[in-house]
Amino acid sequence: MVTNPRSTLNCLASFGIGGLVSTGYPFEIAAAIFMPTFSMRQASRLGAYQAAFCYYAGASWPVIPAARNFFGSSASTTEGITAWLAAAVLLATPWALLWTPRQGQLIWRVPLGLTASVIPHSASLAGHRR
């Protein structure tokens, strides 16, 4: 959980950036460039995870209403919320694992975090095209 006012502000900013990305408009999608900054510049691994989780929660909220398309018309809102939270938890995990207090290592850790969070998303999109 969010532990202090600074963490709360970082989570709100991350959620807001994620919300902008979810609109699908190119200018708003460009806001995603700030996500690694909000995550990797935190004071702790937990803070990095919280910021990443908030970003992915904001970016993936459309999963909730779209769950009926995936699970079928009998799907409940609970299934949509579960899928949404699972996506945010899983996509935020690489950022917690790659967090470091050594800022010089971000040159390779940030691209690795981006790759780790893009590959599962790309694989899920490929599955929908079949």
N, C-alpha and C. Protein backbone atom coordinates (compact mmCIF):
# COMPACT_ATOMS: atom_id res chain seq x y z
N MET A 1 0.82 -1.18 0.00
CA MET A 1 0.00 0.00 0.00
C MET A 1 0.87 1.26 0.00
N VAL A 2 0.30 2.37 -0.41
CA VAL A 2 1.02 3.63 -0.44
C VAL A 2 1.33 4.05 0.99
N THR A 3 2.59 4.43 1.23
CA THR A 3 3.04 4.60 2.61
C THR A 3 3.24 6.04 3.07
N ASN A 4 3.40 7.00 2.17
CA ASN A 4 3.61 8.38 2.60
C ASN A 4 3.06 9.34 1.55
N PRO A 5 2.98 10.64 1.88
CA PRO A 5 2.41 11.61 0.93
C PRO A 5 3.13 11.65 -0.41
N ARG A 6 4.44 11.54 -0.40
CA ARG A 6 5.19 11.56 -1.66
C ARG A 6 4.82 10.35 -2.53
N SER A 7 4.72 9.19 -1.90
CA SER A 7 4.32 7.98 -2.63
C SER A 7 2.91 8.13 -3.18
N THR A 8 2.03 8.75 -2.39
CA THR A 8 0.67 8.97 -2.85
C THR A 8 0.65 9.86 -4.08
N LEU A 9 1.41 10.94 -4.06
CA LEU A 9 1.48 11.84 -5.22
C LEU A 9 2.07 11.13 -6.43
N ASN A 10 3.12 10.33 -6.21
CA ASN A 10 3.72 9.59 -7.32
C ASN A 10 2.72 8.60 -7.91
N CYS A 11 1.96 7.93 -7.06
CA CYS A 11 0.95 6.98 -7.56
C CYS A 11 -0.14 7.71 -8.33
N LEU A 12 -0.58 8.84 -7.82
CA LEU A 12 -1.60 9.61 -8.54
C LEU A 12 -1.09 10.09 -9.89
N ALA A 13 0.16 10.55 -9.92
CA ALA A 13 0.75 10.98 -11.20
C ALA A 13 0.89 9.81 -12.15
N SER A 14 1.33 8.67 -11.64
CA SER A 14 1.48 7.48 -12.47
C SER A 14 0.12 7.01 -12.99
N PHE A 15 -0.89 7.01 -12.13
CA PHE A 15 -2.23 6.62 -12.55
C PHE A 15 -2.75 7.58 -13.62
N GLY A 16 -2.49 8.88 -13.43
CA GLY A 16 -2.90 9.87 -14.42
C GLY A 16 -2.23 9.67 -15.77
N ILE A 17 -0.95 9.38 -15.75
CA ILE A 17 -0.24 9.11 -17.00
C ILE A 17 -0.83 7.86 -17.67
N GLY A 18 -1.07 6.83 -16.87
CA GLY A 18 -1.69 5.63 -17.41
C GLY A 18 -3.07 5.92 -18.00
N GLY A 19 -3.82 6.76 -17.32
CA GLY A 19 -5.13 7.15 -17.83
C GLY A 19 -5.04 7.87 -19.16
N LEU A 20 -4.04 8.72 -19.30
CA LEU A 20 -3.84 9.40 -20.59
C LEU A 20 -3.52 8.39 -21.69
N VAL A 21 -2.67 7.44 -21.37
CA VAL A 21 -2.28 6.43 -22.35
C VAL A 21 -3.49 5.61 -22.79
N SER A 22 -4.41 5.35 -21.87
CA SER A 22 -5.57 4.52 -22.20
C SER A 22 -6.53 5.17 -23.18
N THR A 23 -6.41 6.47 -23.41
CA THR A 23 -7.32 7.14 -24.33
C THR A 23 -7.09 6.72 -25.78
N GLY A 24 -5.87 6.35 -26.09
CA GLY A 24 -5.55 5.94 -27.46
C GLY A 24 -5.17 7.09 -28.37
N TYR A 25 -5.21 8.31 -27.89
CA TYR A 25 -4.81 9.45 -28.70
C TYR A 25 -3.29 9.58 -28.70
N PRO A 26 -2.70 9.79 -29.87
CA PRO A 26 -1.22 9.80 -29.95
C PRO A 26 -0.55 10.77 -28.99
N PHE A 27 -1.07 11.96 -28.82
CA PHE A 27 -0.44 12.92 -27.91
C PHE A 27 -0.46 12.41 -26.48
N GLU A 28 -1.57 11.81 -26.08
CA GLU A 28 -1.69 11.28 -24.73
C GLU A 28 -0.83 10.03 -24.55
N ILE A 29 -0.74 9.19 -25.59
CA ILE A 29 0.09 7.99 -25.52
C ILE A 29 1.55 8.38 -25.30
N ALA A 30 1.95 9.52 -25.84
CA ALA A 30 3.32 10.00 -25.67
C ALA A 30 3.66 10.23 -24.20
N ALA A 31 2.66 10.41 -23.35
CA ALA A 31 2.90 10.61 -21.91
C ALA A 31 3.53 9.37 -21.28
N ALA A 32 3.42 8.22 -21.94
CA ALA A 32 3.99 6.97 -21.41
C ALA A 32 5.50 7.06 -21.22
N ILE A 33 6.13 7.99 -21.89
CA ILE A 33 7.58 8.14 -21.76
C ILE A 33 7.98 8.48 -20.33
N PHE A 34 7.06 9.02 -19.54
CA PHE A 34 7.37 9.40 -18.17
C PHE A 34 7.23 8.25 -17.18
N MET A 35 6.62 7.14 -17.59
CA MET A 35 6.40 6.03 -16.67
C MET A 35 7.68 5.51 -16.04
N PRO A 36 8.74 5.21 -16.81
CA PRO A 36 9.95 4.72 -16.16
C PRO A 36 10.53 5.69 -15.13
N THR A 37 10.39 6.98 -15.38
CA THR A 37 10.88 7.97 -14.43
C THR A 37 10.14 7.87 -13.10
N PHE A 38 8.82 7.79 -13.16
CA PHE A 38 8.04 7.71 -11.92
C PHE A 38 8.31 6.41 -11.18
N SER A 39 8.61 5.36 -11.89
CA SER A 39 8.86 4.08 -11.23
C SER A 39 10.29 3.97 -10.72
N MET A 40 11.26 4.17 -11.57
CA MET A 40 12.65 3.88 -11.22
C MET A 40 13.31 4.95 -10.35
N ARG A 41 12.72 6.11 -10.23
CA ARG A 41 13.30 7.16 -9.39
C ARG A 41 12.73 7.16 -7.97
N GLN A 42 12.06 6.10 -7.59
CA GLN A 42 11.53 6.00 -6.24
C GLN A 42 12.65 5.65 -5.26
N ALA A 43 12.39 5.89 -3.99
CA ALA A 43 13.41 5.67 -2.96
C ALA A 43 13.55 4.20 -2.56
N SER A 44 12.59 3.37 -2.96
CA SER A 44 12.63 1.97 -2.57
C SER A 44 12.04 1.09 -3.66
N ARG A 45 12.30 -0.20 -3.54
CA ARG A 45 11.73 -1.18 -4.47
C ARG A 45 10.20 -1.17 -4.38
N LEU A 46 9.67 -1.07 -3.16
CA LEU A 46 8.23 -1.02 -2.98
C LEU A 46 7.64 0.22 -3.65
N GLY A 47 8.30 1.36 -3.50
CA GLY A 47 7.84 2.58 -4.16
C GLY A 47 7.84 2.45 -5.67
N ALA A 48 8.86 1.79 -6.21
CA ALA A 48 8.93 1.56 -7.66
C ALA A 48 7.77 0.69 -8.11
N TYR A 49 7.49 -0.35 -7.33
CA TYR A 49 6.38 -1.23 -7.67
C TYR A 49 5.05 -0.49 -7.59
N GLN A 50 4.86 0.30 -6.55
CA GLN A 50 3.61 1.05 -6.39
C GLN A 50 3.39 2.00 -7.57
N ALA A 51 4.43 2.72 -7.96
CA ALA A 51 4.29 3.66 -9.08
C ALA A 51 3.96 2.92 -10.37
N ALA A 52 4.64 1.80 -10.62
CA ALA A 52 4.38 1.02 -11.83
C ALA A 52 2.97 0.43 -11.79
N PHE A 53 2.58 -0.09 -10.63
CA PHE A 53 1.23 -0.65 -10.49
C PHE A 53 0.18 0.41 -10.78
N CYS A 54 0.35 1.60 -10.23
CA CYS A 54 -0.62 2.68 -10.45
C CYS A 54 -0.68 3.07 -11.93
N TYR A 55 0.48 3.10 -12.58
CA TYR A 55 0.50 3.41 -14.02
C TYR A 55 -0.29 2.36 -14.80
N TYR A 56 0.02 1.09 -14.59
CA TYR A 56 -0.65 0.04 -15.33
C TYR A 56 -2.13 -0.07 -14.98
N ALA A 57 -2.49 0.25 -13.74
CA ALA A 57 -3.90 0.27 -13.37
C ALA A 57 -4.63 1.38 -14.13
N GLY A 58 -3.99 2.53 -14.25
CA GLY A 58 -4.60 3.63 -15.01
C GLY A 58 -4.67 3.34 -16.49
N ALA A 59 -3.65 2.68 -17.03
CA ALA A 59 -3.59 2.41 -18.46
C ALA A 59 -4.51 1.26 -18.88
N SER A 60 -4.76 0.33 -17.96
CA SER A 60 -5.51 -0.87 -18.36
C SER A 60 -6.94 -0.92 -17.83
N TRP A 61 -7.45 0.17 -17.29
CA TRP A 61 -8.82 0.14 -16.77
C TRP A 61 -9.86 -0.28 -17.81
N PRO A 62 -9.64 -0.05 -19.14
CA PRO A 62 -10.64 -0.51 -20.11
C PRO A 62 -10.83 -2.03 -20.13
N VAL A 63 -9.94 -2.76 -19.47
CA VAL A 63 -10.11 -4.22 -19.38
C VAL A 63 -11.41 -4.55 -18.64
N ILE A 64 -11.80 -3.73 -17.70
CA ILE A 64 -12.99 -4.03 -16.89
C ILE A 64 -14.24 -4.14 -17.77
N PRO A 65 -14.59 -3.11 -18.55
CA PRO A 65 -15.79 -3.27 -19.39
C PRO A 65 -15.58 -4.23 -20.57
N ALA A 66 -14.33 -4.40 -21.01
CA ALA A 66 -14.06 -5.28 -22.15
C ALA A 66 -14.07 -6.76 -21.77
N ALA A 67 -14.10 -7.06 -20.49
CA ALA A 67 -14.04 -8.45 -20.04
C ALA A 67 -15.21 -9.26 -20.59
N ARG A 68 -16.34 -8.64 -20.78
CA ARG A 68 -17.50 -9.36 -21.33
C ARG A 68 -17.22 -9.84 -22.75
N ASN A 69 -16.46 -9.09 -23.52
CA ASN A 69 -16.11 -9.53 -24.87
C ASN A 69 -15.19 -10.74 -24.83
N PHE A 70 -14.33 -10.79 -23.81
CA PHE A 70 -13.35 -11.87 -23.71
C PHE A 70 -13.95 -13.10 -23.02
N PHE A 71 -14.60 -12.90 -21.87
CA PHE A 71 -15.13 -14.02 -21.09
C PHE A 71 -16.53 -14.45 -21.51
N GLY A 72 -17.21 -13.62 -22.28
CA GLY A 72 -18.58 -13.93 -22.69
C GLY A 72 -19.58 -13.04 -22.00
N SER A 73 -20.78 -13.03 -22.52
CA SER A 73 -21.81 -12.12 -22.01
C SER A 73 -22.22 -12.42 -20.57
N SER A 74 -21.93 -13.62 -20.08
CA SER A 74 -22.30 -13.94 -18.71
C SER A 74 -21.23 -13.52 -17.69
N ALA A 75 -20.16 -12.90 -18.17
CA ALA A 75 -19.08 -12.48 -17.28
C ALA A 75 -19.56 -11.37 -16.34
N SER A 76 -19.09 -11.44 -15.11
CA SER A 76 -19.47 -10.42 -14.14
C SER A 76 -18.43 -9.30 -14.10
N THR A 77 -18.79 -8.22 -13.47
CA THR A 77 -17.86 -7.12 -13.29
C THR A 77 -16.67 -7.57 -12.45
N THR A 78 -16.89 -8.49 -11.54
CA THR A 78 -15.82 -9.02 -10.70
C THR A 78 -14.73 -9.67 -11.56
N GLU A 79 -15.12 -10.38 -12.60
CA GLU A 79 -14.12 -10.99 -13.49
C GLU A 79 -13.32 -9.91 -14.22
N GLY A 80 -13.98 -8.86 -14.62
CA GLY A 80 -13.28 -7.75 -15.26
C GLY A 80 -12.29 -7.08 -14.32
N ILE A 81 -12.72 -6.85 -13.08
CA ILE A 81 -11.84 -6.23 -12.08
C ILE A 81 -10.66 -7.15 -11.77
N THR A 82 -10.92 -8.44 -11.67
CA THR A 82 -9.85 -9.40 -11.40
C THR A 82 -8.82 -9.40 -12.53
N ALA A 83 -9.28 -9.41 -13.77
CA ALA A 83 -8.37 -9.37 -14.92
C ALA A 83 -7.58 -8.06 -14.93
N TRP A 84 -8.24 -6.96 -14.61
CA TRP A 84 -7.58 -5.64 -14.58
C TRP A 84 -6.48 -5.61 -13.52
N LEU A 85 -6.81 -6.06 -12.32
CA LEU A 85 -5.81 -6.06 -11.24
C LEU A 85 -4.67 -7.04 -11.53
N ALA A 86 -4.99 -8.19 -12.10
CA ALA A 86 -3.94 -9.16 -12.44
C ALA A 86 -2.99 -8.58 -13.47
N ALA A 87 -3.53 -7.88 -14.46
CA ALA A 87 -2.67 -7.26 -15.47
C ALA A 87 -1.75 -6.22 -14.84
N ALA A 88 -2.30 -5.38 -13.96
CA ALA A 88 -1.48 -4.34 -13.32
C ALA A 88 -0.41 -4.96 -12.43
N VAL A 89 -0.76 -5.99 -11.69
CA VAL A 89 0.21 -6.66 -10.81
C VAL A 89 1.34 -7.27 -11.63
N LEU A 90 0.99 -8.01 -12.67
CA LEU A 90 2.00 -8.70 -13.47
C LEU A 90 2.89 -7.72 -14.25
N LEU A 91 2.29 -6.69 -14.83
CA LEU A 91 3.09 -5.75 -15.62
C LEU A 91 3.98 -4.87 -14.75
N ALA A 92 3.60 -4.65 -13.50
CA ALA A 92 4.42 -3.84 -12.59
C ALA A 92 5.59 -4.62 -12.00
N THR A 93 5.49 -5.92 -11.99
CA THR A 93 6.51 -6.76 -11.34
C THR A 93 7.92 -6.53 -11.88
N PRO A 94 8.15 -6.46 -13.20
CA PRO A 94 9.52 -6.24 -13.66
C PRO A 94 10.15 -4.96 -13.13
N TRP A 95 9.34 -3.94 -12.93
CA TRP A 95 9.88 -2.67 -12.44
C TRP A 95 10.35 -2.79 -11.00
N ALA A 96 9.67 -3.60 -10.21
CA ALA A 96 10.13 -3.83 -8.84
C ALA A 96 11.41 -4.66 -8.84
N LEU A 97 11.45 -5.67 -9.69
CA LEU A 97 12.63 -6.53 -9.75
C LEU A 97 13.86 -5.79 -10.27
N LEU A 98 13.66 -4.84 -11.17
CA LEU A 98 14.78 -4.12 -11.78
C LEU A 98 15.16 -2.84 -11.05
N TRP A 99 14.39 -2.43 -10.07
CA TRP A 99 14.70 -1.19 -9.33
C TRP A 99 16.07 -1.31 -8.69
N THR A 100 16.78 -0.21 -8.65
CA THR A 100 18.08 -0.15 -7.98
C THR A 100 18.31 1.25 -7.45
N PRO A 101 19.03 1.38 -6.34
CA PRO A 101 19.39 2.72 -5.88
C PRO A 101 20.54 3.31 -6.70
N ARG A 102 21.20 2.48 -7.50
CA ARG A 102 22.34 2.93 -8.32
C ARG A 102 21.82 3.50 -9.65
N GLN A 103 21.72 4.81 -9.71
CA GLN A 103 21.14 5.47 -10.87
C GLN A 103 21.92 5.21 -12.17
N GLY A 104 23.21 4.93 -12.06
CA GLY A 104 24.01 4.64 -13.25
C GLY A 104 23.59 3.36 -13.96
N GLN A 105 22.92 2.47 -13.27
CA GLN A 105 22.48 1.21 -13.87
C GLN A 105 21.16 1.34 -14.62
N LEU A 106 20.53 2.48 -14.52
CA LEU A 106 19.24 2.66 -15.20
C LEU A 106 19.38 2.60 -16.72
N ILE A 107 20.57 2.85 -17.23
CA ILE A 107 20.80 2.83 -18.68
C ILE A 107 20.46 1.47 -19.29
N TRP A 108 20.61 0.40 -18.52
CA TRP A 108 20.24 -0.92 -19.03
C TRP A 108 19.00 -1.49 -18.35
N ARG A 109 18.70 -1.03 -17.16
CA ARG A 109 17.54 -1.56 -16.45
C ARG A 109 16.21 -1.05 -17.02
N VAL A 110 16.16 0.21 -17.41
CA VAL A 110 14.91 0.76 -17.97
C VAL A 110 14.55 0.06 -19.28
N PRO A 111 15.47 -0.08 -20.25
CA PRO A 111 15.10 -0.81 -21.46
C PRO A 111 14.68 -2.26 -21.19
N LEU A 112 15.32 -2.89 -20.21
CA LEU A 112 14.94 -4.26 -19.85
C LEU A 112 13.53 -4.28 -19.27
N GLY A 113 13.21 -3.30 -18.43
CA GLY A 113 11.85 -3.22 -17.86
C GLY A 113 10.81 -2.98 -18.94
N LEU A 114 11.12 -2.11 -19.89
CA LEU A 114 10.18 -1.86 -20.98
C LEU A 114 9.97 -3.12 -21.81
N THR A 115 11.05 -3.82 -22.10
CA THR A 115 10.94 -5.06 -22.87
C THR A 115 10.13 -6.10 -22.11
N ALA A 116 10.38 -6.23 -20.83
CA ALA A 116 9.67 -7.22 -20.02
C ALA A 116 8.18 -6.93 -19.93
N SER A 117 7.79 -5.66 -20.02
CA SER A 117 6.37 -5.35 -19.94
C SER A 117 5.71 -5.27 -21.31
N VAL A 118 6.48 -5.15 -22.38
CA VAL A 118 5.91 -5.10 -23.72
C VAL A 118 5.68 -6.50 -24.29
N ILE A 119 6.57 -7.42 -24.03
CA ILE A 119 6.46 -8.77 -24.61
C ILE A 119 5.16 -9.45 -24.20
N PRO A 120 4.76 -9.47 -22.91
CA PRO A 120 3.48 -10.12 -22.60
C PRO A 120 2.30 -9.44 -23.29
N HIS A 121 2.34 -8.12 -23.41
CA HIS A 121 1.26 -7.40 -24.07
C HIS A 121 1.21 -7.75 -25.55
N SER A 122 2.37 -7.79 -26.21
CA SER A 122 2.43 -8.13 -27.62
C SER A 122 1.96 -9.56 -27.87
N ALA A 123 2.32 -10.47 -26.98
CA ALA A 123 1.88 -11.86 -27.12
C ALA A 123 0.37 -11.97 -26.99
N SER A 124 -0.22 -11.19 -26.09
CA SER A 124 -1.67 -11.25 -25.94
C SER A 124 -2.38 -10.68 -27.16
N LEU A 125 -1.80 -9.66 -27.77
CA LEU A 125 -2.39 -9.10 -28.99
C LEU A 125 -2.29 -10.10 -30.13
N ALA A 126 -1.18 -10.81 -30.23
CA ALA A 126 -1.01 -11.81 -31.29
C ALA A 126 -2.04 -12.92 -31.14
N GLY A 127 -2.37 -13.28 -29.92
CA GLY A 127 -3.37 -14.32 -29.68
C GLY A 127 -4.75 -13.90 -30.13
N HIS A 128 -5.06 -12.61 -30.10
CA HIS A 128 -6.37 -12.12 -30.52
C HIS A 128 -6.52 -12.07 -32.03
N ARG A 129 -5.44 -12.09 -32.76
CA ARG A 129 -5.49 -12.00 -34.23
C ARG A 129 -5.77 -13.33 -34.87
N ARG A 130 -5.64 -14.40 -34.13
CA ARG A 130 -5.82 -15.74 -34.73
C ARG A 130 -7.26 -16.05 -35.01
